[in-house]
């Protein structure tokens, strides 16, 4: 199986979040400059590539610009954090790096033309230097 990897220093977005701990308490809101690295595994098309690098990069930039300068919230957080700036309610349980990586990976899959069952995406989200949330996604099969 072949793969492509996008690891550009410019695939970043700045956003605020604060996770909910397993005790039920919320972490204070704080900002990160998140960085994204994506690897896509799959078959080569007739022209000899998996998917065009530029297509993937443009799609990622669109997703990241949507998240830029937002306060990322889960639906559960809405009542707790009702006075925050630029809130963005995401369809995830908690705004951990792992779940944010999953959200971005699934958005990417919807935006690029990949056939279910043939591709695997690994999306890595760096929250702070050396701290990564990673999501492995096989189209058609959610891990």
C-alpha atoms as a PDB file:
ATOM      1  CA  UNK A   1       0.000   0.000   0.000  1.00  0.00           C
ATOM      2  CA  UNK A   2       1.212   3.489  -0.815  1.00  0.00           C
ATOM      3  CA  UNK A   3       0.883   6.631   1.269  1.00  0.00           C
ATOM      4  CA  UNK A   4       1.291  10.387   1.164  1.00  0.00           C
ATOM      5  CA  UNK A   5       2.147  12.558   4.153  1.00  0.00           C
ATOM      6  CA  UNK A   6       1.532  16.274   4.604  1.00  0.00           C
ATOM      7  CA  UNK A   7       3.715  17.721   7.330  1.00  0.00           C
ATOM      8  CA  UNK A   8       3.808  21.444   6.605  1.00  0.00           C
ATOM      9  CA  UNK A   9       4.646  23.949   9.359  1.00  0.00           C
ATOM     10  CA  UNK A  10       1.835  26.108   7.969  1.00  0.00           C
ATOM     11  CA  UNK A  11      -0.931  23.565   8.689  1.00  0.00           C
ATOM     12  CA  UNK A  12      -1.831  25.208  11.986  1.00  0.00           C
ATOM     13  CA  UNK A  13      -4.688  26.980  13.693  1.00  0.00           C
ATOM     14  CA  UNK A  14      -4.952  28.939  16.918  1.00  0.00           C
ATOM     15  CA  UNK A  15      -7.964  28.155  19.081  1.00  0.00           C
ATOM     16  CA  UNK A  16      -9.049  27.977  22.701  1.00  0.00           C
ATOM     17  CA  UNK A  17     -10.387  24.930  24.492  1.00  0.00           C
ATOM     18  CA  UNK A  18     -10.601  23.387  27.925  1.00  0.00           C
ATOM     19  CA  UNK A  19     -11.278  19.705  28.404  1.00  0.00           C
ATOM     20  CA  UNK A  20     -13.661  18.128  30.871  1.00  0.00           C
ATOM     21  CA  UNK A  21     -11.792  15.749  33.170  1.00  0.00           C
ATOM     22  CA  UNK A  22     -13.175  12.345  34.055  1.00  0.00           C
ATOM     23  CA  UNK A  23     -14.044  13.814  37.493  1.00  0.00           C
ATOM     24  CA  UNK A  24     -16.560  16.093  35.745  1.00  0.00           C
ATOM     25  CA  UNK A  25     -14.515  19.237  36.402  1.00  0.00           C
ATOM     26  CA  UNK A  26     -13.596  21.544  33.543  1.00  0.00           C
ATOM     27  CA  UNK A  27     -10.118  22.748  32.738  1.00  0.00           C
ATOM     28  CA  UNK A  28      -9.918  26.553  32.376  1.00  0.00           C
ATOM     29  CA  UNK A  29     -10.081  27.790  28.790  1.00  0.00           C
ATOM     30  CA  UNK A  30      -6.674  28.329  27.250  1.00  0.00           C
ATOM     31  CA  UNK A  31      -5.277  28.822  23.750  1.00  0.00           C
ATOM     32  CA  UNK A  32      -2.988  26.651  21.672  1.00  0.00           C
ATOM     33  CA  UNK A  33      -1.539  26.879  18.235  1.00  0.00           C
ATOM     34  CA  UNK A  34      -2.454  23.412  17.032  1.00  0.00           C
ATOM     35  CA  UNK A  35      -0.478  21.759  14.223  1.00  0.00           C
ATOM     36  CA  UNK A  36      -1.795  19.063  11.885  1.00  0.00           C
ATOM     37  CA  UNK A  37       0.060  16.242  10.137  1.00  0.00           C
ATOM     38  CA  UNK A  38      -1.891  13.856   7.936  1.00  0.00           C
ATOM     39  CA  UNK A  39      -0.957  10.560   6.273  1.00  0.00           C
ATOM     40  CA  UNK A  40      -3.231   8.926   3.707  1.00  0.00           C
ATOM     41  CA  UNK A  41      -2.768   5.284   2.683  1.00  0.00           C
ATOM     42  CA  UNK A  42      -4.442   3.845  -0.369  1.00  0.00           C
ATOM     43  CA  UNK A  43      -4.230   2.513  -3.897  1.00  0.00           C
ATOM     44  CA  UNK A  44      -2.712   4.512  -6.713  1.00  0.00           C
ATOM     45  CA  UNK A  45      -5.000   5.933  -9.360  1.00  0.00           C
ATOM     46  CA  UNK A  46      -4.268   5.322 -13.047  1.00  0.00           C
ATOM     47  CA  UNK A  47      -1.988   8.377 -13.085  1.00  0.00           C
ATOM     48  CA  UNK A  48       0.170   6.943 -10.268  1.00  0.00           C
ATOM     49  CA  UNK A  49      -0.855   8.870  -7.150  1.00  0.00           C
ATOM     50  CA  UNK A  50      -3.235   8.271  -4.212  1.00  0.00           C
ATOM     51  CA  UNK A  51      -4.764  11.725  -4.008  1.00  0.00           C
ATOM     52  CA  UNK A  52      -3.359  15.069  -5.085  1.00  0.00           C
ATOM     53  CA  UNK A  53      -1.317  16.793  -2.362  1.00  0.00           C
ATOM     54  CA  UNK A  54      -2.846  20.163  -3.241  1.00  0.00           C
ATOM     55  CA  UNK A  55      -6.392  18.836  -2.923  1.00  0.00           C
ATOM     56  CA  UNK A  56      -5.659  17.513   0.567  1.00  0.00           C
ATOM     57  CA  UNK A  57      -3.829  20.669   1.614  1.00  0.00           C
ATOM     58  CA  UNK A  58      -6.583  22.995   0.345  1.00  0.00           C
ATOM     59  CA  UNK A  59      -9.232  20.960   2.132  1.00  0.00           C
ATOM     60  CA  UNK A  60      -7.247  20.952   5.374  1.00  0.00           C
ATOM     61  CA  UNK A  61      -6.684  24.717   5.153  1.00  0.00           C
ATOM     62  CA  UNK A  62     -10.443  25.241   4.756  1.00  0.00           C
ATOM     63  CA  UNK A  63     -11.177  23.122   7.842  1.00  0.00           C
ATOM     64  CA  UNK A  64      -8.436  24.777   9.915  1.00  0.00           C
ATOM     65  CA  UNK A  65      -9.564  28.283   8.925  1.00  0.00           C
ATOM     66  CA  UNK A  66     -13.054  27.368  10.185  1.00  0.00           C
ATOM     67  CA  UNK A  67     -11.511  26.526  13.595  1.00  0.00           C
ATOM     68  CA  UNK A  68      -9.141  29.523  13.664  1.00  0.00           C
ATOM     69  CA  UNK A  69      -9.584  31.951  16.603  1.00  0.00           C
ATOM     70  CA  UNK A  70     -12.597  30.041  17.929  1.00  0.00           C
ATOM     71  CA  UNK A  71     -13.341  28.752  21.405  1.00  0.00           C
ATOM     72  CA  UNK A  72     -13.910  25.059  20.725  1.00  0.00           C
ATOM     73  CA  UNK A  73     -16.726  23.580  22.777  1.00  0.00           C
ATOM     74  CA  UNK A  74     -18.603  20.318  23.018  1.00  0.00           C
ATOM     75  CA  UNK A  75     -22.396  20.424  23.305  1.00  0.00           C
ATOM     76  CA  UNK A  76     -22.073  19.476  26.990  1.00  0.00           C
ATOM     77  CA  UNK A  77     -19.889  22.529  27.680  1.00  0.00           C
ATOM     78  CA  UNK A  78     -22.334  25.061  26.263  1.00  0.00           C
ATOM     79  CA  UNK A  79     -24.192  25.679  29.530  1.00  0.00           C
ATOM     80  CA  UNK A  80     -20.975  25.794  31.564  1.00  0.00           C
ATOM     81  CA  UNK A  81     -19.098  28.163  29.252  1.00  0.00           C
ATOM     82  CA  UNK A  82     -21.937  30.427  28.173  1.00  0.00           C
ATOM     83  CA  UNK A  83     -19.937  33.692  28.152  1.00  0.00           C
ATOM     84  CA  UNK A  84     -16.917  32.792  26.035  1.00  0.00           C
ATOM     85  CA  UNK A  85     -15.687  34.621  22.939  1.00  0.00           C
ATOM     86  CA  UNK A  86     -16.226  33.150  19.457  1.00  0.00           C
ATOM     87  CA  UNK A  87     -17.768  29.849  20.584  1.00  0.00           C
ATOM     88  CA  UNK A  88     -17.881  26.977  18.115  1.00  0.00           C
ATOM     89  CA  UNK A  89     -19.949  23.962  19.147  1.00  0.00           C
ATOM     90  CA  UNK A  90     -18.419  20.787  17.718  1.00  0.00           C
ATOM     91  CA  UNK A  91     -20.154  17.392  17.416  1.00  0.00           C
ATOM     92  CA  UNK A  92     -17.698  15.741  19.807  1.00  0.00           C
ATOM     93  CA  UNK A  93     -17.958  14.604  23.436  1.00  0.00           C
ATOM     94  CA  UNK A  94     -14.985  16.632  24.708  1.00  0.00           C
ATOM     95  CA  UNK A  95     -12.430  18.967  23.133  1.00  0.00           C
ATOM     96  CA  UNK A  96      -9.424  16.730  23.763  1.00  0.00           C
ATOM     97  CA  UNK A  97      -6.635  16.609  21.190  1.00  0.00           C
ATOM     98  CA  UNK A  98      -7.656  13.040  20.319  1.00  0.00           C
ATOM     99  CA  UNK A  99     -11.288  13.923  19.610  1.00  0.00           C
ATOM    100  CA  UNK A 100     -10.342  17.122  17.774  1.00  0.00           C
ATOM    101  CA  UNK A 101      -8.037  15.023  15.561  1.00  0.00           C
ATOM    102  CA  UNK A 102     -10.967  12.703  14.844  1.00  0.00           C
ATOM    103  CA  UNK A 103     -13.226  15.631  13.986  1.00  0.00           C
ATOM    104  CA  UNK A 104     -10.673  17.092  11.552  1.00  0.00           C
ATOM    105  CA  UNK A 105     -10.013  13.671   9.955  1.00  0.00           C
ATOM    106  CA  UNK A 106     -13.708  13.044   9.373  1.00  0.00           C
ATOM    107  CA  UNK A 107     -14.207  16.529   7.924  1.00  0.00           C
ATOM    108  CA  UNK A 108     -11.248  15.928   5.613  1.00  0.00           C
ATOM    109  CA  UNK A 109     -12.680  12.598   4.449  1.00  0.00           C
ATOM    110  CA  UNK A 110     -15.970  14.270   3.585  1.00  0.00           C
ATOM    111  CA  UNK A 111     -14.209  17.000   1.595  1.00  0.00           C
ATOM    112  CA  UNK A 112     -11.942  14.866  -0.602  1.00  0.00           C
ATOM    113  CA  UNK A 113     -13.106  12.201  -3.013  1.00  0.00           C
ATOM    114  CA  UNK A 114     -11.941   8.893  -1.521  1.00  0.00           C
ATOM    115  CA  UNK A 115     -13.824   5.614  -1.923  1.00  0.00           C
ATOM    116  CA  UNK A 116     -14.957   3.833   1.276  1.00  0.00           C
ATOM    117  CA  UNK A 117     -13.023   0.723   2.227  1.00  0.00           C
ATOM    118  CA  UNK A 118      -9.903   1.589   0.208  1.00  0.00           C
ATOM    119  CA  UNK A 119      -8.208   4.321   2.233  1.00  0.00           C
ATOM    120  CA  UNK A 120      -6.801   4.862   5.690  1.00  0.00           C
ATOM    121  CA  UNK A 121      -6.070   8.277   7.184  1.00  0.00           C
ATOM    122  CA  UNK A 122      -3.903   8.988  10.199  1.00  0.00           C
ATOM    123  CA  UNK A 123      -4.391  12.518  11.448  1.00  0.00           C
ATOM    124  CA  UNK A 124      -2.027  13.796  14.126  1.00  0.00           C
ATOM    125  CA  UNK A 125      -2.835  16.961  16.068  1.00  0.00           C
ATOM    126  CA  UNK A 126      -0.071  18.593  18.083  1.00  0.00           C
ATOM    127  CA  UNK A 127      -1.545  20.571  20.966  1.00  0.00           C
ATOM    128  CA  UNK A 128       1.768  21.743  22.373  1.00  0.00           C
ATOM    129  CA  UNK A 129       5.349  20.764  21.522  1.00  0.00           C
ATOM    130  CA  UNK A 130       5.635  16.996  21.785  1.00  0.00           C
ATOM    131  CA  UNK A 131       1.985  16.427  22.812  1.00  0.00           C
ATOM    132  CA  UNK A 132      -0.063  14.788  20.067  1.00  0.00           C
ATOM    133  CA  UNK A 133      -3.589  13.441  19.748  1.00  0.00           C
ATOM    134  CA  UNK A 134      -3.791  10.866  16.929  1.00  0.00           C
ATOM    135  CA  UNK A 135      -6.807   9.485  15.092  1.00  0.00           C
ATOM    136  CA  UNK A 136      -6.689   6.471  12.744  1.00  0.00           C
ATOM    137  CA  UNK A 137      -9.586   6.398  10.314  1.00  0.00           C
ATOM    138  CA  UNK A 138     -10.355   3.779   7.707  1.00  0.00           C
ATOM    139  CA  UNK A 139     -12.981   5.057   5.332  1.00  0.00           C
ATOM    140  CA  UNK A 140     -16.112   3.091   5.962  1.00  0.00           C
ATOM    141  CA  UNK A 141     -14.828   1.726   9.300  1.00  0.00           C
ATOM    142  CA  UNK A 142     -14.515   4.048  12.280  1.00  0.00           C
ATOM    143  CA  UNK A 143     -11.875   2.866  14.772  1.00  0.00           C
END
